[in-house]
Amino acid sequence: MMTILVVDDDQRTRELVGEALKPVGFNVLSAASAEEAAVLLNREVVHLIILDLLLPGKNGWVFAEELKFNARTAAMPVLVASILSPDDTGVQKQNSNVVGYILKPLDADDLTARVKAVFTRNR
């Protein structure tokens, strides 16, 4: 079973992702901050991170950059989920971990399709 880590400070968003992805066979873990996510990544096997950019403490871009320099997470795909459009954020194309961008509010069907597409591409 593939495990997805949702990193978002909004509890409802974390719940929505779980409600959308668990019924179609994904294991979903959640973290409210980058720091909490780092702890989970050290003890869990994660196959995809769904990452908000506007996090308390360390923001999502800083966290995504840090993932590239950890041997365990260097190749882990990251799907950004944010209220900011890619144009507003100046999406950092050099971050090879970022495999997609979803605007909030999240649509459960679109989210599920995007997550399945990540795993189809990475086979």
PDB file of N, CA and C in Angstrom:
ATOM      1  N   MET A   1       0.850  -1.183   0.000  1.00  0.00           N
ATOM      2  CA  MET A   1       0.000   0.000   0.000  1.00  0.00           C
ATOM      3  C   MET A   1       0.895   1.245   0.000  1.00  0.00           C
ATOM      4  N   MET A   2       0.575   2.179  -0.855  1.00  0.00           N
ATOM      5  CA  MET A   2       1.325   3.431  -0.946  1.00  0.00           C
ATOM      6  C   MET A   2       0.895   4.368   0.176  1.00  0.00           C
ATOM      7  N   THR A   3       1.883   5.034   0.765  1.00  0.00           N
ATOM      8  CA  THR A   3       1.612   5.958   1.866  1.00  0.00           C
ATOM      9  C   THR A   3       1.865   7.385   1.415  1.00  0.00           C
ATOM     10  N   ILE A   4       0.908   8.232   1.730  1.00  0.00           N
ATOM     11  CA  ILE A   4       0.970   9.651   1.380  1.00  0.00           C
ATOM     12  C   ILE A   4       1.008  10.444   2.676  1.00  0.00           C
ATOM     13  N   LEU A   5       1.891  11.430   2.720  1.00  0.00           N
ATOM     14  CA  LEU A   5       1.973  12.329   3.861  1.00  0.00           C
ATOM     15  C   LEU A   5       1.422  13.682   3.452  1.00  0.00           C
ATOM     16  N   VAL A   6       0.386  14.127   4.149  1.00  0.00           N
ATOM     17  CA  VAL A   6      -0.220  15.428   3.897  1.00  0.00           C
ATOM     18  C   VAL A   6       0.359  16.395   4.914  1.00  0.00           C
ATOM     19  N   VAL A   7       0.986  17.456   4.426  1.00  0.00           N
ATOM     20  CA  VAL A   7       1.571  18.468   5.311  1.00  0.00           C
ATOM     21  C   VAL A   7       0.806  19.759   5.091  1.00  0.00           C
ATOM     22  N   ASP A   8      -0.073  20.059   6.028  1.00  0.00           N
ATOM     23  CA  ASP A   8      -0.935  21.238   5.921  1.00  0.00           C
ATOM     24  C   ASP A   8      -1.370  21.642   7.312  1.00  0.00           C
ATOM     25  N   ASP A   9      -1.331  22.930   7.605  1.00  0.00           N
ATOM     26  CA  ASP A   9      -1.723  23.384   8.937  1.00  0.00           C
ATOM     27  C   ASP A   9      -3.241  23.424   9.121  1.00  0.00           C
ATOM     28  N   ASP A  10      -3.985  23.267   8.030  1.00  0.00           N
ATOM     29  CA  ASP A  10      -5.443  23.272   8.112  1.00  0.00           C
ATOM     30  C   ASP A  10      -5.950  21.843   8.325  1.00  0.00           C
ATOM     31  N   GLN A  11      -6.543  21.609   9.481  1.00  0.00           N
ATOM     32  CA  GLN A  11      -7.017  20.264   9.812  1.00  0.00           C
ATOM     33  C   GLN A  11      -8.049  19.765   8.822  1.00  0.00           C
ATOM     34  N   ARG A  12      -8.942  20.613   8.380  1.00  0.00           N
ATOM     35  CA  ARG A  12      -9.991  20.194   7.440  1.00  0.00           C
ATOM     36  C   ARG A  12      -9.385  19.724   6.120  1.00  0.00           C
ATOM     37  N   THR A  13      -8.349  20.395   5.660  1.00  0.00           N
ATOM     38  CA  THR A  13      -7.689  19.960   4.428  1.00  0.00           C
ATOM     39  C   THR A  13      -7.069  18.587   4.614  1.00  0.00           C
ATOM     40  N   ARG A  14      -6.403  18.370   5.743  1.00  0.00           N
ATOM     41  CA  ARG A  14      -5.811  17.060   6.016  1.00  0.00           C
ATOM     42  C   ARG A  14      -6.895  15.987   6.040  1.00  0.00           C
ATOM     43  N   GLU A  15      -8.031  16.283   6.652  1.00  0.00           N
ATOM     44  CA  GLU A  15      -9.139  15.320   6.699  1.00  0.00           C
ATOM     45  C   GLU A  15      -9.696  15.050   5.310  1.00  0.00           C
ATOM     46  N   LEU A  16      -9.863  16.090   4.505  1.00  0.00           N
ATOM     47  CA  LEU A  16     -10.408  15.936   3.155  1.00  0.00           C
ATOM     48  C   LEU A  16      -9.515  15.033   2.311  1.00  0.00           C
ATOM     49  N   VAL A  17      -8.199  15.217   2.429  1.00  0.00           N
ATOM     50  CA  VAL A  17      -7.283  14.372   1.667  1.00  0.00           C
ATOM     51  C   VAL A  17      -7.440  12.915   2.097  1.00  0.00           C
ATOM     52  N   GLY A  18      -7.514  12.678   3.389  1.00  0.00           N
ATOM     53  CA  GLY A  18      -7.717  11.314   3.877  1.00  0.00           C
ATOM     54  C   GLY A  18      -9.025  10.726   3.397  1.00  0.00           C
ATOM     55  N   GLU A  19     -10.086  11.509   3.449  1.00  0.00           N
ATOM     56  CA  GLU A  19     -11.399  11.039   3.008  1.00  0.00           C
ATOM     57  C   GLU A  19     -11.416  10.720   1.518  1.00  0.00           C
ATOM     58  N   ALA A  20     -10.625  11.449   0.732  1.00  0.00           N
ATOM     59  CA  ALA A  20     -10.582  11.216  -0.712  1.00  0.00           C
ATOM     60  C   ALA A  20      -9.705  10.019  -1.077  1.00  0.00           C
ATOM     61  N   LEU A  21      -8.587   9.852  -0.371  1.00  0.00           N
ATOM     62  CA  LEU A  21      -7.598   8.873  -0.813  1.00  0.00           C
ATOM     63  C   LEU A  21      -7.657   7.518  -0.112  1.00  0.00           C
ATOM     64  N   LYS A  22      -8.105   7.475   1.113  1.00  0.00           N
ATOM     65  CA  LYS A  22      -8.163   6.181   1.813  1.00  0.00           C
ATOM     66  C   LYS A  22      -9.104   5.190   1.130  1.00  0.00           C
ATOM     67  N   PRO A  23     -10.293   5.636   0.688  1.00  0.00           N
ATOM     68  CA  PRO A  23     -11.209   4.674   0.045  1.00  0.00           C
ATOM     69  C   PRO A  23     -10.684   4.082  -1.265  1.00  0.00           C
ATOM     70  N   VAL A  24      -9.700   4.733  -1.885  1.00  0.00           N
ATOM     71  CA  VAL A  24      -9.164   4.191  -3.141  1.00  0.00           C
ATOM     72  C   VAL A  24      -7.819   3.492  -2.909  1.00  0.00           C
ATOM     73  N   GLY A  25      -7.524   3.162  -1.646  1.00  0.00           N
ATOM     74  CA  GLY A  25      -6.402   2.282  -1.363  1.00  0.00           C
ATOM     75  C   GLY A  25      -5.110   2.899  -0.892  1.00  0.00           C
ATOM     76  N   PHE A  26      -5.105   4.179  -0.563  1.00  0.00           N
ATOM     77  CA  PHE A  26      -3.884   4.807  -0.073  1.00  0.00           C
ATOM     78  C   PHE A  26      -3.903   4.898   1.441  1.00  0.00           C
ATOM     79  N   ASN A  27      -2.739   4.753   2.043  1.00  0.00           N
ATOM     80  CA  ASN A  27      -2.561   5.020   3.463  1.00  0.00           C
ATOM     81  C   ASN A  27      -2.210   6.506   3.572  1.00  0.00           C
ATOM     82  N   VAL A  28      -2.885   7.243   4.450  1.00  0.00           N
ATOM     83  CA  VAL A  28      -2.660   8.683   4.547  1.00  0.00           C
ATOM     84  C   VAL A  28      -2.229   9.052   5.957  1.00  0.00           C
ATOM     85  N   LEU A  29      -1.068   9.691   6.038  1.00  0.00           N
ATOM     86  CA  LEU A  29      -0.560  10.251   7.286  1.00  0.00           C
ATOM     87  C   LEU A  29      -0.681  11.761   7.183  1.00  0.00           C
ATOM     88  N   SER A  30      -0.714  12.446   8.327  1.00  0.00           N
ATOM     89  CA  SER A  30      -0.795  13.896   8.243  1.00  0.00           C
ATOM     90  C   SER A  30       0.086  14.566   9.279  1.00  0.00           C
ATOM     91  N   ALA A  31       0.503  15.785   8.908  1.00  0.00           N
ATOM     92  CA  ALA A  31       1.322  16.619   9.772  1.00  0.00           C
ATOM     93  C   ALA A  31       0.857  18.061   9.613  1.00  0.00           C
ATOM     94  N   ALA A  32       0.866  18.805  10.721  1.00  0.00           N
ATOM     95  CA  ALA A  32       0.413  20.189  10.703  1.00  0.00           C
ATOM     96  C   ALA A  32       1.546  21.182  10.441  1.00  0.00           C
ATOM     97  N   SER A  33       2.783  20.693  10.366  1.00  0.00           N
ATOM     98  CA  SER A  33       3.926  21.576  10.127  1.00  0.00           C
ATOM     99  C   SER A  33       5.043  20.781   9.459  1.00  0.00           C
ATOM    100  N   ALA A  34       6.009  21.512   8.923  1.00  0.00           N
ATOM    101  CA  ALA A  34       7.174  20.865   8.318  1.00  0.00           C
ATOM    102  C   ALA A  34       7.965  20.099   9.367  1.00  0.00           C
ATOM    103  N   GLU A  35       8.040  20.650  10.553  1.00  0.00           N
ATOM    104  CA  GLU A  35       8.787  20.001  11.623  1.00  0.00           C
ATOM    105  C   GLU A  35       8.143  18.672  12.009  1.00  0.00           C
ATOM    106  N   GLU A  36       6.825  18.662  12.115  1.00  0.00           N
ATOM    107  CA  GLU A  36       6.097  17.423  12.418  1.00  0.00           C
ATOM    108  C   GLU A  36       6.266  16.414  11.272  1.00  0.00           C
ATOM    109  N   ALA A  37       6.254  16.912  10.044  1.00  0.00           N
ATOM    110  CA  ALA A  37       6.439  16.039   8.882  1.00  0.00           C
ATOM    111  C   ALA A  37       7.823  15.400   8.894  1.00  0.00           C
ATOM    112  N   ALA A  38       8.836  16.159   9.263  1.00  0.00           N
ATOM    113  CA  ALA A  38      10.197  15.630   9.304  1.00  0.00           C
ATOM    114  C   ALA A  38      10.307  14.463  10.281  1.00  0.00           C
ATOM    115  N   VAL A  39       9.624  14.571  11.413  1.00  0.00           N
ATOM    116  CA  VAL A  39       9.626  13.483  12.394  1.00  0.00           C
ATOM    117  C   VAL A  39       8.980  12.241  11.798  1.00  0.00           C
ATOM    118  N   LEU A  40       7.831  12.415  11.135  1.00  0.00           N
ATOM    119  CA  LEU A  40       7.151  11.276  10.506  1.00  0.00           C
ATOM    120  C   LEU A  40       8.008  10.644   9.414  1.00  0.00           C
ATOM    121  N   LEU A  41       8.688  11.467   8.633  1.00  0.00           N
ATOM    122  CA  LEU A  41       9.513  10.944   7.546  1.00  0.00           C
ATOM    123  C   LEU A  41      10.689  10.128   8.060  1.00  0.00           C
ATOM    124  N   ASN A  42      11.116  10.393   9.272  1.00  0.00           N
ATOM    125  CA  ASN A  42      12.218   9.621   9.856  1.00  0.00           C
ATOM    126  C   ASN A  42      11.777   8.250  10.346  1.00  0.00           C
ATOM    127  N   ARG A  43      10.484   8.061  10.561  1.00  0.00           N
ATOM    128  CA  ARG A  43      10.043   6.767  11.096  1.00  0.00           C
ATOM    129  C   ARG A  43       9.042   6.024  10.218  1.00  0.00           C
ATOM    130  N   GLU A  44       8.575   6.629   9.154  1.00  0.00           N
ATOM    131  CA  GLU A  44       7.589   6.006   8.265  1.00  0.00           C
ATOM    132  C   GLU A  44       8.140   5.946   6.836  1.00  0.00           C
ATOM    133  N   VAL A  45       7.671   4.980   6.080  1.00  0.00           N
ATOM    134  CA  VAL A  45       7.980   4.921   4.656  1.00  0.00           C
ATOM    135  C   VAL A  45       6.869   5.672   3.935  1.00  0.00           C
ATOM    136  N   VAL A  46       7.235   6.735   3.258  1.00  0.00           N
ATOM    137  CA  VAL A  46       6.276   7.598   2.570  1.00  0.00           C
ATOM    138  C   VAL A  46       6.612   7.594   1.087  1.00  0.00           C
ATOM    139  N   HIS A  47       5.582   7.553   0.251  1.00  0.00           N
ATOM    140  CA  HIS A  47       5.781   7.484  -1.196  1.00  0.00           C
ATOM    141  C   HIS A  47       5.463   8.790  -1.919  1.00  0.00           C
ATOM    142  N   LEU A  48       4.724   9.686  -1.262  1.00  0.00           N
ATOM    143  CA  LEU A  48       4.346  10.970  -1.858  1.00  0.00           C
ATOM    144  C   LEU A  48       4.031  11.934  -0.730  1.00  0.00           C
ATOM    145  N   ILE A  49       4.406  13.197  -0.928  1.00  0.00           N
ATOM    146  CA  ILE A  49       4.045  14.248   0.021  1.00  0.00           C
ATOM    147  C   ILE A  49       3.117  15.222  -0.683  1.00  0.00           C
ATOM    148  N   ILE A  50       1.994  15.529  -0.051  1.00  0.00           N
ATOM    149  CA  ILE A  50       1.112  16.597  -0.506  1.00  0.00           C
ATOM    150  C   ILE A  50       1.394  17.757   0.434  1.00  0.00           C
ATOM    151  N   LEU A  51       1.907  18.854  -0.106  1.00  0.00           N
ATOM    152  CA  LEU A  51       2.507  19.911   0.698  1.00  0.00           C
ATOM    153  C   LEU A  51       1.875  21.271   0.478  1.00  0.00           C
ATOM    154  N   ASP A  52       1.416  21.868   1.565  1.00  0.00           N
ATOM    155  CA  ASP A  52       0.971  23.258   1.546  1.00  0.00           C
ATOM    156  C   ASP A  52       2.211  24.142   1.602  1.00  0.00           C
ATOM    157  N   LEU A  53       2.148  25.308   1.009  1.00  0.00           N
ATOM    158  CA  LEU A  53       3.283  26.224   1.041  1.00  0.00           C
ATOM    159  C   LEU A  53       3.257  27.148   2.250  1.00  0.00           C
ATOM    160  N   LEU A  54       2.060  27.502   2.690  1.00  0.00           N
ATOM    161  CA  LEU A  54       1.912  28.458   3.789  1.00  0.00           C
ATOM    162  C   LEU A  54       1.772  27.716   5.106  1.00  0.00           C
ATOM    163  N   LEU A  55       2.907  27.332   5.656  1.00  0.00           N
ATOM    164  CA  LEU A  55       2.926  26.574   6.908  1.00  0.00           C
ATOM    165  C   LEU A  55       3.452  27.461   8.033  1.00  0.00           C
ATOM    166  N   PRO A  56       3.045  27.177   9.257  1.00  0.00           N
ATOM    167  CA  PRO A  56       3.627  27.904  10.388  1.00  0.00           C
ATOM    168  C   PRO A  56       5.084  27.475  10.565  1.00  0.00           C
ATOM    169  N   GLY A  57       5.918  28.368  10.999  1.00  0.00           N
ATOM    170  CA  GLY A  57       7.334  28.021  11.145  1.00  0.00           C
ATOM    171  C   GLY A  57       7.987  27.960   9.779  1.00  0.00           C
ATOM    172  N   LYS A  58       8.552  26.823   9.444  1.00  0.00           N
ATOM    173  CA  LYS A  58       9.232  26.624   8.168  1.00  0.00           C
ATOM    174  C   LYS A  58       8.197  26.509   7.054  1.00  0.00           C
ATOM    175  N   ASN A  59       8.342  27.342   6.009  1.00  0.00           N
ATOM    176  CA  ASN A  59       7.347  27.273   4.930  1.00  0.00           C
ATOM    177  C   ASN A  59       7.591  26.066   4.026  1.00  0.00           C
ATOM    178  N   GLY A  60       6.608  25.795   3.193  1.00  0.00           N
ATOM    179  CA  GLY A  60       6.639  24.607   2.357  1.00  0.00           C
ATOM    180  C   GLY A  60       7.795  24.558   1.368  1.00  0.00           C
ATOM    181  N   TRP A  61       8.177  25.722   0.786  1.00  0.00           N
ATOM    182  CA  TRP A  61       9.280  25.707  -0.177  1.00  0.00           C
ATOM    183  C   TRP A  61      10.590  25.358   0.503  1.00  0.00           C
ATOM    184  N   VAL A  62      10.807  25.902   1.693  1.00  0.00           N
ATOM    185  CA  VAL A  62      12.032  25.585   2.431  1.00  0.00           C
ATOM    186  C   VAL A  62      12.069  24.083   2.734  1.00  0.00           C
ATOM    187  N   PHE A  63      10.935  23.559   3.171  1.00  0.00           N
ATOM    188  CA  PHE A  63      10.853  22.136   3.478  1.00  0.00           C
ATOM    189  C   PHE A  63      11.098  21.287   2.239  1.00  0.00           C
ATOM    190  N   ALA A  64      10.499  21.658   1.113  1.00  0.00           N
ATOM    191  CA  ALA A  64      10.691  20.910  -0.140  1.00  0.00           C
ATOM    192  C   ALA A  64      12.162  20.921  -0.552  1.00  0.00           C
ATOM    193  N   GLU A  65      12.828  22.041  -0.368  1.00  0.00           N
ATOM    194  CA  GLU A  65      14.254  22.120  -0.687  1.00  0.00           C
ATOM    195  C   GLU A  65      15.065  21.204   0.221  1.00  0.00           C
ATOM    196  N   GLU A  66      14.723  21.170   1.504  1.00  0.00           N
ATOM    197  CA  GLU A  66      15.434  20.310   2.447  1.00  0.00           C
ATOM    198  C   GLU A  66      15.279  18.833   2.097  1.00  0.00           C
ATOM    199  N   LEU A  67      14.125  18.471   1.561  1.00  0.00           N
ATOM    200  CA  LEU A  67      13.894  17.073   1.179  1.00  0.00           C
ATOM    201  C   LEU A  67      14.919  16.596   0.159  1.00  0.00           C
ATOM    202  N   LYS A  68      15.356  17.482  -0.722  1.00  0.00           N
ATOM    203  CA  LYS A  68      16.305  17.113  -1.776  1.00  0.00           C
ATOM    204  C   LYS A  68      17.672  16.728  -1.218  1.00  0.00           C
ATOM    205  N   PHE A  69      17.987  17.192  -0.014  1.00  0.00           N
ATOM    206  CA  PHE A  69      19.323  16.973   0.539  1.00  0.00           C
ATOM    207  C   PHE A  69      19.358  15.862   1.580  1.00  0.00           C
ATOM    208  N   ASN A  70      18.262  15.108   1.685  1.00  0.00           N
ATOM    209  CA  ASN A  70      18.193  13.975   2.596  1.00  0.00           C
ATOM    210  C   ASN A  70      18.151  12.728   1.715  1.00  0.00           C
ATOM    211  N   ALA A  71      19.074  11.822   1.928  1.00  0.00           N
ATOM    212  CA  ALA A  71      19.151  10.625   1.082  1.00  0.00           C
ATOM    213  C   ALA A  71      17.839   9.855   1.053  1.00  0.00           C
ATOM    214  N   ARG A  72      17.131   9.846   2.155  1.00  0.00           N
ATOM    215  CA  ARG A  72      15.884   9.085   2.240  1.00  0.00           C
ATOM    216  C   ARG A  72      14.733   9.735   1.460  1.00  0.00           C
ATOM    217  N   THR A  73      14.791  11.052   1.294  1.00  0.00           N
ATOM    218  CA  THR A  73      13.675  11.761   0.664  1.00  0.00           C
ATOM    219  C   THR A  73      14.051  12.459  -0.638  1.00  0.00           C
ATOM    220  N   ALA A  74      15.275  12.321  -1.074  1.00  0.00           N
ATOM    221  CA  ALA A  74      15.760  13.067  -2.236  1.00  0.00           C
ATOM    222  C   ALA A  74      14.929  12.848  -3.498  1.00  0.00           C
ATOM    223  N   ALA A  75      14.431  11.642  -3.691  1.00  0.00           N
ATOM    224  CA  ALA A  75      13.655  11.342  -4.899  1.00  0.00           C
ATOM    225  C   ALA A  75      12.149  11.296  -4.643  1.00  0.00           C
ATOM    226  N   MET A  76      11.730  11.659  -3.441  1.00  0.00           N
ATOM    227  CA  MET A  76      10.316  11.572  -3.086  1.00  0.00           C
ATOM    228  C   MET A  76       9.505  12.652  -3.815  1.00  0.00           C
ATOM    229  N   PRO A  77       8.463  12.253  -4.531  1.00  0.00           N
ATOM    230  CA  PRO A  77       7.659  13.252  -5.229  1.00  0.00           C
ATOM    231  C   PRO A  77       6.837  14.103  -4.256  1.00  0.00           C
ATOM    232  N   VAL A  78       6.705  15.385  -4.635  1.00  0.00           N
ATOM    233  CA  VAL A  78       5.946  16.347  -3.843  1.00  0.00           C
ATOM    234  C   VAL A  78       4.879  16.945  -4.734  1.00  0.00           C
ATOM    235  N   LEU A  79       3.651  16.903  -4.266  1.00  0.00           N
ATOM    236  CA  LEU A  79       2.522  17.523  -4.943  1.00  0.00           C
ATOM    237  C   LEU A  79       2.132  18.735  -4.102  1.00  0.00           C
ATOM    238  N   VAL A  80       2.307  19.921  -4.638  1.00  0.00           N
ATOM    239  CA  VAL A  80       2.000  21.149  -3.904  1.00  0.00           C
ATOM    240  C   VAL A  80       0.497  21.403  -3.956  1.00  0.00           C
ATOM    241  N   ALA A  81      -0.083  21.726  -2.794  1.00  0.00           N
ATOM    242  CA  ALA A  81      -1.500  22.099  -2.692  1.00  0.00           C
ATOM    243  C   ALA A  81      -1.553  23.430  -1.962  1.00  0.00           C
ATOM    244  N   SER A  82      -1.980  24.482  -2.650  1.00  0.00           N
ATOM    245  CA  SER A  82      -1.910  25.816  -2.054  1.00  0.00           C
ATOM    246  C   SER A  82      -3.047  26.702  -2.527  1.00  0.00           C
ATOM    247  N   ILE A  83      -3.338  27.729  -1.720  1.00  0.00           N
ATOM    248  CA  ILE A  83      -4.303  28.747  -2.152  1.00  0.00           C
ATOM    249  C   ILE A  83      -3.632  29.735  -3.093  1.00  0.00           C
ATOM    250  N   LEU A  84      -2.310  29.743  -3.104  1.00  0.00           N
ATOM    251  CA  LEU A  84      -1.554  30.614  -4.005  1.00  0.00           C
ATOM    252  C   LEU A  84      -1.407  29.928  -5.352  1.00  0.00           C
ATOM    253  N   SER A  85      -1.612  30.687  -6.410  1.00  0.00           N
ATOM    254  CA  SER A  85      -1.427  30.100  -7.739  1.00  0.00           C
ATOM    255  C   SER A  85       0.070  29.948  -8.009  1.00  0.00           C
ATOM    256  N   PRO A  86       0.433  29.090  -8.942  1.00  0.00           N
ATOM    257  CA  PRO A  86       1.859  28.952  -9.273  1.00  0.00           C
ATOM    258  C   PRO A  86       2.483  30.287  -9.676  1.00  0.00           C
ATOM    259  N   ASP A  87       1.708  31.156 -10.332  1.00  0.00           N
ATOM    260  CA  ASP A  87       2.230  32.466 -10.729  1.00  0.00           C
ATOM    261  C   ASP A  87       2.541  33.323  -9.511  1.00  0.00           C
ATOM    262  N   ASP A  88       1.702  33.234  -8.468  1.00  0.00           N
ATOM    263  CA  ASP A  88       1.924  34.020  -7.253  1.00  0.00           C
ATOM    264  C   ASP A  88       3.158  33.560  -6.494  1.00  0.00           C
ATOM    265  N   THR A  89       3.470  32.303  -6.592  1.00  0.00           N
ATOM    266  CA  THR A  89       4.565  31.751  -5.792  1.00  0.00           C
ATOM    267  C   THR A  89       5.888  31.760  -6.533  1.00  0.00           C
ATOM    268  N   GLY A  90       5.857  31.956  -7.852  1.00  0.00           N
ATOM    269  CA  GLY A  90       7.086  31.823  -8.617  1.00  0.00           C
ATOM    270  C   GLY A  90       7.607  30.402  -8.474  1.00  0.00           C
ATOM    271  N   VAL A  91       6.757  29.438  -8.794  1.00  0.00           N
ATOM    272  CA  VAL A  91       7.078  28.029  -8.588  1.00  0.00           C
ATOM    273  C   VAL A  91       8.521  27.751  -8.977  1.00  0.00           C
ATOM    274  N   GLN A  92       9.204  27.114  -8.080  1.00  0.00           N
ATOM    275  CA  GLN A  92      10.633  26.865  -8.252  1.00  0.00           C
ATOM    276  C   GLN A  92      10.837  25.610  -9.096  1.00  0.00           C
ATOM    277  N   LYS A  93      10.987  25.818 -10.368  1.00  0.00           N
ATOM    278  CA  LYS A  93      11.116  24.703 -11.310  1.00  0.00           C
ATOM    279  C   LYS A  93      12.341  23.840 -11.009  1.00  0.00           C
ATOM    280  N   GLN A  94      13.352  24.424 -10.381  1.00  0.00           N
ATOM    281  CA  GLN A  94      14.559  23.649 -10.109  1.00  0.00           C
ATOM    282  C   GLN A  94      14.326  22.596  -9.038  1.00  0.00           C
ATOM    283  N   ASN A  95      13.224  22.657  -8.337  1.00  0.00           N
ATOM    284  CA  ASN A  95      12.949  21.620  -7.347  1.00  0.00           C
ATOM    285  C   ASN A  95      12.372  20.424  -8.073  1.00  0.00           C
ATOM    286  N   SER A  96      13.231  19.464  -8.340  1.00  0.00           N
ATOM    287  CA  SER A  96      12.831  18.306  -9.135  1.00  0.00           C
ATOM    288  C   SER A  96      11.829  17.413  -8.413  1.00  0.00           C
ATOM    289  N   ASN A  97      11.682  17.582  -7.113  1.00  0.00           N
ATOM    290  CA  ASN A  97      10.727  16.770  -6.363  1.00  0.00           C
ATOM    291  C   ASN A  97       9.282  17.176  -6.662  1.00  0.00           C
ATOM    292  N   VAL A  98       9.067  18.428  -7.038  1.00  0.00           N
ATOM    293  CA  VAL A  98       7.705  18.911  -7.249  1.00  0.00           C
ATOM    294  C   VAL A  98       7.183  18.358  -8.575  1.00  0.00           C
ATOM    295  N   VAL A  99       6.147  17.509  -8.461  1.00  0.00           N
ATOM    296  CA  VAL A  99       5.604  16.837  -9.644  1.00  0.00           C
ATOM    297  C   VAL A  99       4.261  17.412 -10.082  1.00  0.00           C
ATOM    298  N   GLY A 100       3.732  18.358  -9.316  1.00  0.00           N
ATOM    299  CA  GLY A 100       2.454  18.948  -9.679  1.00  0.00           C
ATOM    300  C   GLY A 100       2.023  19.997  -8.683  1.00  0.00           C
ATOM    301  N   TYR A 101       0.955  20.692  -9.043  1.00  0.00           N
ATOM    302  CA  TYR A 101       0.461  21.812  -8.258  1.00  0.00           C
ATOM    303  C   TYR A 101      -1.063  21.785  -8.310  1.00  0.00           C
ATOM    304  N   ILE A 102      -1.702  21.792  -7.155  1.00  0.00           N
ATOM    305  CA  ILE A 102      -3.159  21.801  -7.085  1.00  0.00           C
ATOM    306  C   ILE A 102      -3.592  23.036  -6.312  1.00  0.00           C
ATOM    307  N   LEU A 103      -4.525  23.782  -6.883  1.00  0.00           N
ATOM    308  CA  LEU A 103      -5.056  24.950  -6.186  1.00  0.00           C
ATOM    309  C   LEU A 103      -6.130  24.546  -5.189  1.00  0.00           C
ATOM    310  N   LYS A 104      -6.108  25.189  -4.040  1.00  0.00           N
ATOM    311  CA  LYS A 104      -7.165  25.002  -3.042  1.00  0.00           C
ATOM    312  C   LYS A 104      -8.285  25.978  -3.361  1.00  0.00           C
ATOM    313  N   PRO A 105      -9.502  25.667  -3.020  1.00  0.00           N
ATOM    314  CA  PRO A 105      -9.936  24.491  -2.279  1.00  0.00           C
ATOM    315  C   PRO A 105      -9.815  23.232  -3.137  1.00  0.00           C
ATOM    316  N   LEU A 106      -9.438  22.153  -2.482  1.00  0.00           N
ATOM    317  CA  LEU A 106      -9.215  20.895  -3.182  1.00  0.00           C
ATOM    318  C   LEU A 106     -10.525  20.249  -3.606  1.00  0.00           C
ATOM    319  N   ASP A 107     -10.497  19.669  -4.781  1.00  0.00           N
ATOM    320  CA  ASP A 107     -11.600  18.868  -5.287  1.00  0.00           C
ATOM    321  C   ASP A 107     -11.175  17.409  -5.133  1.00  0.00           C
ATOM    322  N   ALA A 108     -11.958  16.624  -4.429  1.00  0.00           N
ATOM    323  CA  ALA A 108     -11.589  15.241  -4.115  1.00  0.00           C
ATOM    324  C   ALA A 108     -11.304  14.417  -5.364  1.00  0.00           C
ATOM    325  N   ASP A 109     -12.116  14.556  -6.396  1.00  0.00           N
ATOM    326  CA  ASP A 109     -11.907  13.768  -7.623  1.00  0.00           C
ATOM    327  C   ASP A 109     -10.627  14.181  -8.339  1.00  0.00           C
ATOM    328  N   ASP A 110     -10.383  15.492  -8.426  1.00  0.00           N
ATOM    329  CA  ASP A 110      -9.167  15.988  -9.066  1.00  0.00           C
ATOM    330  C   ASP A 110      -7.937  15.542  -8.278  1.00  0.00           C
ATOM    331  N   LEU A 111      -8.003  15.635  -6.968  1.00  0.00           N
ATOM    332  CA  LEU A 111      -6.900  15.210  -6.111  1.00  0.00           C
ATOM    333  C   LEU A 111      -6.586  13.733  -6.325  1.00  0.00           C
ATOM    334  N   THR A 112      -7.611  12.908  -6.314  1.00  0.00           N
ATOM    335  CA  THR A 112      -7.425  11.470  -6.499  1.00  0.00           C
ATOM    336  C   THR A 112      -6.792  11.174  -7.863  1.00  0.00           C
ATOM    337  N   ALA A 113      -7.277  11.832  -8.889  1.00  0.00           N
ATOM    338  CA  ALA A 113      -6.721  11.623 -10.234  1.00  0.00           C
ATOM    339  C   ALA A 113      -5.260  12.044 -10.299  1.00  0.00           C
ATOM    340  N   ARG A 114      -4.928  13.168  -9.673  1.00  0.00           N
ATOM    341  CA  ARG A 114      -3.544  13.656  -9.697  1.00  0.00           C
ATOM    342  C   ARG A 114      -2.611  12.716  -8.939  1.00  0.00           C
ATOM    343  N   VAL A 115      -3.073  12.225  -7.791  1.00  0.00           N
ATOM    344  CA  VAL A 115      -2.244  11.315  -7.011  1.00  0.00           C
ATOM    345  C   VAL A 115      -2.025  10.015  -7.784  1.00  0.00           C
ATOM    346  N   LYS A 116      -3.073   9.472  -8.369  1.00  0.00           N
ATOM    347  CA  LYS A 116      -2.927   8.245  -9.164  1.00  0.00           C
ATOM    348  C   LYS A 116      -1.967   8.478 -10.328  1.00  0.00           C
ATOM    349  N   ALA A 117      -2.028   9.647 -10.949  1.00  0.00           N
ATOM    350  CA  ALA A 117      -1.144   9.963 -12.075  1.00  0.00           C
ATOM    351  C   ALA A 117       0.322   9.993 -11.634  1.00  0.00           C
ATOM    352  N   VAL A 118       0.591  10.485 -10.432  1.00  0.00           N
ATOM    353  CA  VAL A 118       1.974  10.504  -9.928  1.00  0.00           C
ATOM    354  C   VAL A 118       2.500   9.080  -9.842  1.00  0.00           C
ATOM    355  N   PHE A 119       1.701   8.177  -9.326  1.00  0.00           N
ATOM    356  CA  PHE A 119       2.171   6.798  -9.157  1.00  0.00           C
ATOM    357  C   PHE A 119       2.238   6.062 -10.497  1.00  0.00           C
ATOM    358  N   THR A 120       1.414   6.422 -11.440  1.00  0.00           N
ATOM    359  CA  THR A 120       1.473   5.834 -12.773  1.00  0.00           C
ATOM    360  C   THR A 120       2.752   6.270 -13.484  1.00  0.00           C
ATOM    361  N   ARG A 121       3.106   7.549 -13.355  1.00  0.00           N
ATOM    362  CA  ARG A 121       4.327   8.076 -13.976  1.00  0.00           C
ATOM    363  C   ARG A 121       5.585   7.479 -13.369  1.00  0.00           C
ATOM    364  N   ASN A 122       5.554   7.191 -12.062  1.00  0.00           N
ATOM    365  CA  ASN A 122       6.756   6.752 -11.360  1.00  0.00           C
ATOM    366  C   ASN A 122       6.962   5.242 -11.361  1.00  0.00           C
ATOM    367  N   ARG A 123       6.244   4.516 -12.169  1.00  0.00           N
ATOM    368  CA  ARG A 123       6.426   3.056 -12.241  1.00  0.00           C
ATOM    369  C   ARG A 123       7.625   2.694 -13.042  1.00  0.00           C
TER     370      ARG A 123
END
